[in-house]
Amino acid sequence: MSFVSKAKSLAREIRANLGLGEPDKNPPRELVEELIRATEIKPTYTPSGGIPSLRRKLAEWFSERYNTEISEREVMVTPSGKAALYLSLLYFSKGEVVLTDPTYYSYEPVVESLGRPVRKVPLVRSGVGYSFPEDLSALVPSKGLTVVNSPSNPTGSVLGDGMFDLVERAWERKSYVVSDEPYDVFVYNGKHVSFLSTPKWRETGAFVYSFSKILCIPGWRLGAIVAKEDVIKKLISVASNVYGCPCKWEQIALERILEQPDVIERHVNDMVSEYAKRREEVISVLKRISDFPGVGDGSFYAFPDFGVDSEELALQAAKEGVISIPGKVFSEKYGKTSLRISFSAPPAELKYGLEVLGSLARGLKGH
């Protein structure tokens, strides 16, 4: 049983789910309508790499977003960002694999299943949140792989211009980078710099994307990989024997909504503006109730340190109807006393959940 399942079993009524890894917003209405229209088309298989016209559209879309030039043959569509991540790690996990600490919990199990050694480099506490270290040399092994997630889950850390340095070091050391960027639009301070904006992305690895966050469609399971053509060919061959192809109807709807950039821009601006306000409120509250707020410059997560055992705090909170994620699943260095909370939860739930966590943490400290 996962911790969330265990916590939900303890809660008589879930009053605040701060464990969500998804936006609380609905998808754009136009996207839903496109999906409904797509269901009138016979649901046949599609090519394993995705519908060709969608691959062309994604190549154009990513090229424009990240100021680069991408061919449709360098893009494949996947049934989720996790599928994209798994395929990329399967191909590029060579030698030592370096992760940050804290890091997203799905990376390490995949790498370990491939028999690769893992080394973790701690993020740095700075201001109210976590930052990537100024010196990125420790993040880049020789003839290995760096998995980078910016903006990050669970800390919201943003690498920014450091991406250029990271990729250049990887190229010099004959190493690879898998850049996982599902939170690219959720940046509140600074800027997001994509792996695809670096000059040597083709020589150094893969870009992994998910449409779950930007379009609020986590249940649709749509993602993408961008890498040089010969890599994409090999990954498509693997995909054809693992999952066959992504859902046809969802691909059609995605292509049609990408042809409506004003709809996407309006949807994203409204959502990010709302989350920016919630983030400021979360910082204000966490400064008061936690030992360290752990709120970064991006994503929609915080990783606050409450100074007490995180699993015990999360279990007690669950009994009060508040769901959160103990930090141990994300971090060896910081996780024992930290929780991951999501400020994508509705404001009323967020307020109640933080009040409960603060009160329980004080009680566990004996205050």
Protein backbone atom coordinates (compact mmCIF):
# COMPACT_ATOMS: atom_id res chain seq x y z
CA MET A 1 0.00 0.00 0.00
CA SER A 2 1.39 3.44 -0.94
CA PHE A 3 1.60 6.11 1.75
CA VAL A 4 -1.23 8.09 0.15
CA SER A 5 -3.47 5.01 0.16
CA LYS A 6 -2.57 4.38 3.80
CA ALA A 7 -3.24 8.00 4.72
CA LYS A 8 -6.59 8.00 2.94
CA SER A 9 -7.60 4.84 4.83
CA LEU A 10 -6.95 6.67 8.11
CA ALA A 11 -8.99 9.71 7.15
CA ARG A 12 -12.69 9.55 7.96
CA GLU A 13 -13.15 12.41 5.52
CA ILE A 14 -10.53 14.00 3.28
CA ARG A 15 -10.77 17.70 4.01
CA ALA A 16 -7.53 18.84 2.39
CA ASN A 17 -5.56 16.84 -0.16
CA LEU A 18 -2.16 18.53 -0.27
CA GLY A 19 -0.59 15.42 -1.77
CA LEU A 20 -1.90 16.12 -5.26
CA GLY A 21 0.61 16.04 -8.09
CA GLU A 22 -1.84 17.67 -10.50
CA PRO A 23 -3.48 21.05 -11.09
CA ASP A 24 -6.91 21.65 -9.57
CA LYS A 25 -8.01 23.48 -12.73
CA ASN A 26 -10.09 22.05 -15.57
CA PRO A 27 -8.65 21.64 -19.07
CA PRO A 28 -9.51 24.35 -21.59
CA ARG A 29 -13.13 23.88 -22.68
CA GLU A 30 -11.99 23.97 -26.31
CA LEU A 31 -9.69 20.99 -25.71
CA VAL A 32 -12.49 18.90 -24.23
CA GLU A 33 -14.70 19.77 -27.19
CA GLU A 34 -11.95 18.70 -29.58
CA LEU A 35 -11.72 15.36 -27.80
CA ILE A 36 -15.47 14.83 -28.07
CA ARG A 37 -15.31 15.57 -31.80
CA ALA A 38 -12.36 13.20 -32.18
CA THR A 39 -14.39 10.31 -30.76
CA GLU A 40 -16.44 10.34 -33.96
CA ILE A 41 -13.35 8.99 -35.74
CA LYS A 42 -12.73 5.23 -35.75
CA PRO A 43 -10.28 4.44 -32.88
CA THR A 44 -7.67 2.55 -34.89
CA TYR A 45 -4.03 2.11 -33.97
CA THR A 46 -1.70 4.99 -34.78
CA PRO A 47 2.02 4.81 -35.54
CA SER A 48 3.99 3.99 -32.38
CA GLY A 49 5.76 7.35 -32.45
CA GLY A 50 2.50 9.25 -32.75
CA ILE A 51 0.33 10.60 -35.56
CA PRO A 52 2.72 12.16 -38.13
CA SER A 53 0.83 15.47 -38.33
CA LEU A 54 0.97 15.78 -34.52
CA ARG A 55 4.70 15.09 -34.54
CA ARG A 56 5.10 17.89 -37.10
CA LYS A 57 2.99 20.23 -34.99
CA LEU A 58 4.95 19.41 -31.84
CA ALA A 59 8.23 20.01 -33.66
CA GLU A 60 6.96 23.47 -34.62
CA TRP A 61 5.56 24.14 -31.14
CA PHE A 62 8.71 23.16 -29.25
CA SER A 63 10.90 24.98 -31.79
CA GLU A 64 9.00 28.22 -31.25
CA ARG A 65 8.83 27.87 -27.47
CA TYR A 66 12.52 27.16 -27.01
CA ASN A 67 14.06 29.10 -29.91
CA THR A 68 15.51 26.11 -31.70
CA GLU A 69 14.88 24.06 -34.85
CA ILE A 70 13.41 20.60 -34.42
CA SER A 71 12.41 18.12 -37.11
CA GLU A 72 9.29 15.98 -36.81
CA ARG A 73 11.66 12.98 -36.95
CA GLU A 74 13.18 14.20 -33.67
CA VAL A 75 9.86 14.05 -31.79
CA MET A 76 7.77 11.13 -30.58
CA VAL A 77 4.45 11.12 -28.73
CA THR A 78 4.13 8.87 -25.67
CA PRO A 79 1.24 7.70 -23.48
CA SER A 80 2.33 9.91 -20.54
CA GLY A 81 5.40 11.77 -19.41
CA LYS A 82 6.35 8.72 -17.33
CA ALA A 83 6.49 6.57 -20.47
CA ALA A 84 8.70 9.24 -22.06
CA LEU A 85 10.88 9.26 -18.98
CA TYR A 86 11.21 5.48 -18.86
CA LEU A 87 12.18 5.19 -22.52
CA SER A 88 14.74 7.99 -22.18
CA LEU A 89 16.30 6.50 -19.06
CA LEU A 90 16.35 3.08 -20.70
CA TYR A 91 18.43 4.47 -23.56
CA PHE A 92 20.67 7.01 -21.81
CA SER A 93 21.40 5.35 -18.43
CA LYS A 94 25.07 4.61 -18.97
CA GLY A 95 27.70 4.52 -16.24
CA GLU A 96 27.00 6.54 -13.10
CA VAL A 97 23.62 8.28 -12.92
CA VAL A 98 23.47 11.54 -10.96
CA LEU A 99 20.27 12.84 -9.35
CA THR A 100 19.64 15.85 -7.16
CA ASP A 101 18.58 15.46 -3.53
CA PRO A 102 15.63 16.03 -3.11
CA THR A 103 14.47 14.50 -6.38
CA TYR A 104 11.33 13.10 -7.97
CA TYR A 105 10.81 9.59 -6.63
CA SER A 106 10.29 7.83 -9.99
CA TYR A 107 13.85 8.30 -11.26
CA GLU A 108 15.83 6.10 -8.89
CA PRO A 109 13.75 2.89 -9.17
CA VAL A 110 14.03 2.95 -12.97
CA VAL A 111 17.78 3.55 -12.90
CA GLU A 112 18.34 0.86 -10.27
CA SER A 113 16.27 -1.62 -12.29
CA LEU A 114 18.77 -1.06 -15.11
CA GLY A 115 21.64 -1.92 -12.79
CA ARG A 116 23.22 1.54 -12.84
CA PRO A 117 24.86 3.14 -9.78
CA VAL A 118 23.14 6.27 -8.45
CA ARG A 119 24.85 9.27 -6.87
CA LYS A 120 22.90 12.15 -5.35
CA VAL A 121 23.97 15.77 -5.15
CA PRO A 122 22.19 17.86 -2.48
CA LEU A 123 20.33 20.99 -3.48
CA VAL A 124 21.14 24.09 -1.44
CA ARG A 125 18.86 25.87 1.01
CA SER A 126 18.70 29.50 -0.02
CA GLY A 127 16.22 32.13 1.13
CA VAL A 128 12.84 30.44 1.53
CA GLY A 129 13.56 27.53 -0.81
CA TYR A 130 16.01 25.18 -2.44
CA SER A 131 18.39 26.06 -5.28
CA PHE A 132 20.73 24.19 -7.56
CA PRO A 133 24.37 24.53 -6.43
CA GLU A 134 26.28 27.38 -8.07
CA ASP A 135 29.03 24.96 -9.07
CA LEU A 136 27.32 22.34 -11.23
CA SER A 137 30.41 20.19 -11.77
CA ALA A 138 29.32 17.59 -9.17
CA LEU A 139 26.08 17.07 -11.10
CA VAL A 140 27.88 15.87 -14.22
CA PRO A 141 29.65 12.50 -14.14
CA SER A 142 32.21 11.30 -16.66
CA LYS A 143 30.58 9.12 -19.34
CA GLY A 144 27.39 8.85 -17.31
CA LEU A 145 23.98 10.52 -17.05
CA THR A 146 22.50 13.50 -15.25
CA VAL A 147 18.74 13.55 -14.72
CA VAL A 148 17.61 17.14 -14.28
CA ASN A 149 14.11 18.32 -13.37
CA SER A 150 13.61 22.07 -13.60
CA PRO A 151 11.33 23.45 -12.31
CA SER A 152 11.55 20.57 -9.91
CA ASN A 153 9.30 18.23 -8.02
CA PRO A 154 9.27 18.41 -4.96
CA THR A 155 11.20 21.64 -4.32
CA GLY A 156 10.29 23.98 -7.18
CA SER A 157 13.98 24.69 -7.80
CA VAL A 158 14.71 26.40 -11.12
CA LEU A 159 18.04 25.85 -12.89
CA GLY A 160 17.66 28.81 -15.26
CA ASP A 161 20.77 29.74 -17.24
CA GLY A 162 22.62 26.98 -15.41
CA MET A 163 21.19 24.64 -18.03
CA PHE A 164 23.73 25.97 -20.55
CA ASP A 165 26.61 25.19 -18.19
CA LEU A 166 25.21 21.76 -17.32
CA VAL A 167 24.86 20.67 -20.95
CA GLU A 168 28.27 22.05 -21.92
CA ARG A 169 29.91 20.12 -19.06
CA ALA A 170 28.05 16.97 -20.09
CA TRP A 171 29.32 17.32 -23.65
CA GLU A 172 32.90 17.87 -22.45
CA ARG A 173 32.74 14.80 -20.19
CA LYS A 174 31.07 12.59 -22.82
CA SER A 175 28.07 12.32 -20.55
CA TYR A 176 24.33 12.58 -21.15
CA VAL A 177 21.41 14.62 -19.82
CA VAL A 178 17.77 13.61 -19.55
CA SER A 179 15.83 16.80 -18.88
CA ASP A 180 12.34 16.30 -17.41
CA GLU A 181 10.36 19.54 -17.92
CA PRO A 182 6.63 19.07 -17.19
CA TYR A 183 6.49 22.26 -15.07
CA ASP A 184 8.06 24.57 -17.65
CA VAL A 185 5.27 27.18 -17.50
CA PHE A 186 5.13 27.27 -13.69
CA VAL A 187 7.89 29.81 -12.98
CA TYR A 188 7.30 32.72 -10.59
CA ASN A 189 10.82 34.17 -10.22
CA GLY A 190 13.60 34.03 -12.78
CA LYS A 191 13.08 32.14 -16.02
CA HIS A 192 12.86 28.63 -17.35
CA VAL A 193 15.66 27.60 -19.68
CA SER A 194 14.96 24.39 -21.52
CA PHE A 195 17.45 21.71 -22.45
CA LEU A 196 16.25 22.31 -26.02
CA SER A 197 17.49 25.91 -25.87
CA THR A 198 21.11 24.74 -25.51
CA PRO A 199 23.30 24.46 -28.62
CA LYS A 200 24.37 20.85 -28.03
CA TRP A 201 21.09 19.19 -27.06
CA ARG A 202 21.25 16.68 -29.91
CA GLU A 203 24.68 15.46 -28.82
CA THR A 204 23.88 15.23 -25.12
CA GLY A 205 20.56 13.50 -24.48
CA ALA A 206 16.80 13.88 -24.42
CA PHE A 207 14.02 16.29 -23.49
CA VAL A 208 11.05 14.72 -21.71
CA TYR A 209 7.64 16.41 -21.59
CA SER A 210 4.17 15.87 -20.19
CA PHE A 211 0.95 17.64 -21.14
CA SER A 212 -0.67 16.72 -17.80
CA LYS A 213 0.27 19.95 -16.05
CA ILE A 214 0.17 22.61 -18.75
CA LEU A 215 -3.24 21.47 -20.07
CA CYS A 216 -4.62 20.00 -16.80
CA ILE A 217 -5.14 16.55 -18.33
CA PRO A 218 -3.22 14.12 -16.04
CA GLY A 219 -5.73 11.35 -16.71
CA TRP A 220 -5.28 11.58 -20.46
CA ARG A 221 -1.67 10.33 -20.26
CA LEU A 222 0.07 12.26 -23.03
CA GLY A 223 3.77 13.05 -23.20
CA ALA A 224 6.61 13.52 -25.66
CA ILE A 225 10.32 12.98 -26.18
CA VAL A 226 12.63 15.17 -28.24
CA ALA A 227 16.04 13.75 -29.17
CA LYS A 228 18.13 13.33 -32.28
CA GLU A 229 16.58 11.29 -35.07
CA ASP A 230 18.48 8.02 -34.64
CA VAL A 231 17.62 7.93 -30.93
CA ILE A 232 13.93 8.53 -31.64
CA LYS A 233 13.94 5.69 -34.19
CA LYS A 234 15.29 3.28 -31.59
CA LEU A 235 12.85 4.45 -28.91
CA ILE A 236 9.91 4.07 -31.30
CA SER A 237 11.02 0.50 -31.95
CA VAL A 238 10.94 -0.20 -28.21
CA ALA A 239 7.59 1.58 -27.82
CA SER A 240 5.99 -0.53 -30.55
CA ASN A 241 6.72 -3.65 -28.50
CA VAL A 242 5.79 -2.20 -25.08
CA TYR A 243 2.59 -0.17 -25.43
CA GLY A 244 1.92 -0.08 -29.16
CA CYS A 245 0.82 3.52 -29.52
CA PRO A 246 -0.70 6.48 -27.67
CA CYS A 247 -4.48 7.00 -27.72
CA LYS A 248 -5.62 8.18 -31.15
CA TRP A 249 -8.45 10.45 -29.99
CA GLU A 250 -6.29 12.28 -27.48
CA GLN A 251 -3.57 12.84 -30.07
CA ILE A 252 -6.11 14.35 -32.46
CA ALA A 253 -7.45 16.66 -29.74
CA LEU A 254 -3.93 17.71 -28.76
CA GLU A 255 -3.00 18.57 -32.33
CA ARG A 256 -6.13 20.66 -32.74
CA ILE A 257 -5.60 22.61 -29.53
CA LEU A 258 -1.98 23.32 -30.48
CA GLU A 259 -3.45 25.10 -33.50
CA GLN A 260 -5.22 27.45 -31.06
CA PRO A 261 -2.27 29.11 -29.26
CA ASP A 262 -4.44 31.91 -27.87
CA VAL A 263 -6.54 29.35 -25.99
CA ILE A 264 -3.46 27.74 -24.45
CA GLU A 265 -1.91 31.10 -23.57
CA ARG A 266 -5.07 32.31 -21.83
CA HIS A 267 -5.45 29.04 -19.94
CA VAL A 268 -1.81 29.03 -18.79
CA ASN A 269 -1.75 32.70 -17.81
CA ASP A 270 -4.90 32.37 -15.69
CA MET A 271 -3.63 29.25 -13.94
CA VAL A 272 -0.09 30.46 -13.27
CA SER A 273 -1.38 33.83 -12.02
CA GLU A 274 -3.63 32.03 -9.54
CA TYR A 275 -0.85 29.71 -8.38
CA ALA A 276 1.52 32.65 -7.94
CA LYS A 277 -0.94 34.17 -5.46
CA ARG A 278 -1.29 30.87 -3.61
CA ARG A 279 2.49 30.52 -3.50
CA GLU A 280 2.86 33.89 -1.75
CA GLU A 281 0.23 32.89 0.81
CA VAL A 282 1.95 29.54 1.38
CA ILE A 283 5.30 31.25 1.95
CA SER A 284 3.72 33.60 4.47
CA VAL A 285 2.12 30.75 6.43
CA LEU A 286 5.11 28.41 6.27
CA LYS A 287 7.44 31.12 7.57
CA ARG A 288 5.27 31.07 10.67
CA ILE A 289 4.59 27.36 11.17
CA SER A 290 7.68 25.57 9.80
CA ASP A 291 11.42 25.61 10.42
CA PHE A 292 12.09 26.19 6.70
CA PRO A 293 9.41 26.99 4.08
CA GLY A 294 11.05 25.09 1.22
CA VAL A 295 9.20 27.05 -1.48
CA GLY A 296 11.12 27.34 -4.74
CA ASP A 297 10.77 29.63 -7.74
CA GLY A 298 8.75 27.18 -9.82
CA SER A 299 6.34 24.21 -10.04
CA PHE A 300 3.41 24.11 -7.59
CA TYR A 301 5.05 22.29 -4.70
CA ALA A 302 6.65 23.22 -1.42
CA PHE A 303 8.99 21.03 0.62
CA PRO A 304 8.78 22.55 4.11
CA ASP A 305 10.83 21.30 7.04
CA PHE A 306 8.69 21.05 10.18
CA GLY A 307 11.50 19.79 12.42
CA VAL A 308 9.64 16.59 13.39
CA ASP A 309 9.41 13.09 11.93
CA SER A 310 7.69 13.64 8.58
CA GLU A 311 5.95 10.27 8.44
CA GLU A 312 4.53 10.65 11.94
CA LEU A 313 3.35 14.18 11.13
CA ALA A 314 1.74 13.03 7.88
CA LEU A 315 -0.03 10.10 9.57
CA GLN A 316 -1.41 12.32 12.33
CA ALA A 317 -2.53 14.85 9.74
CA ALA A 318 -4.29 12.10 7.79
CA LYS A 319 -6.43 11.35 10.84
CA GLU A 320 -7.53 15.00 10.65
CA GLY A 321 -8.38 14.61 6.97
CA VAL A 322 -5.20 16.22 5.61
CA ILE A 323 -3.16 14.32 3.01
CA SER A 324 0.52 15.15 2.43
CA ILE A 325 3.60 13.21 1.31
CA PRO A 326 6.46 12.41 3.74
CA GLY A 327 9.75 13.75 2.47
CA LYS A 328 11.60 10.46 2.84
CA VAL A 329 10.43 9.31 -0.60
CA PHE A 330 12.10 12.36 -2.17
CA SER A 331 15.23 12.97 -0.11
CA GLU A 332 17.85 11.21 1.97
CA LYS A 333 19.37 14.44 3.28
CA TYR A 334 16.29 16.56 3.95
CA GLY A 335 13.34 14.17 3.90
CA LYS A 336 13.19 12.92 7.49
CA THR A 337 11.59 16.12 8.75
CA SER A 338 10.07 17.53 5.56
CA LEU A 339 6.78 17.05 3.70
CA ARG A 340 5.82 17.68 0.12
CA ILE A 341 2.69 19.76 -0.14
CA SER A 342 1.00 21.00 -3.28
CA PHE A 343 -0.41 24.50 -3.57
CA SER A 344 -2.43 23.33 -6.56
CA ALA A 345 -4.99 22.29 -3.94
CA PRO A 346 -8.05 24.60 -3.70
CA PRO A 347 -7.41 27.64 -1.44
CA ALA A 348 -9.82 26.57 1.32
CA GLU A 349 -8.21 23.12 1.50
CA LEU A 350 -4.76 24.65 1.44
CA LYS A 351 -5.55 26.99 4.34
CA TYR A 352 -7.08 24.23 6.46
CA GLY A 353 -4.31 21.75 5.67
CA LEU A 354 -1.51 24.14 6.62
CA GLU A 355 -3.25 25.06 9.88
CA VAL A 356 -3.53 21.38 10.82
CA LEU A 357 0.08 20.62 9.92
CA GLY A 358 1.34 23.60 11.91
CA SER A 359 -0.70 22.68 14.97
CA LEU A 360 0.36 19.03 14.87
CA ALA A 361 4.03 19.93 14.37
CA ARG A 362 3.94 22.16 17.45
CA GLY A 363 2.37 19.31 19.40
CA LEU A 364 5.03 16.83 18.31
CA LYS A 365 7.71 19.29 19.40
CA GLY A 366 6.04 19.55 22.80
CA HIS A 367 5.22 23.24 22.44
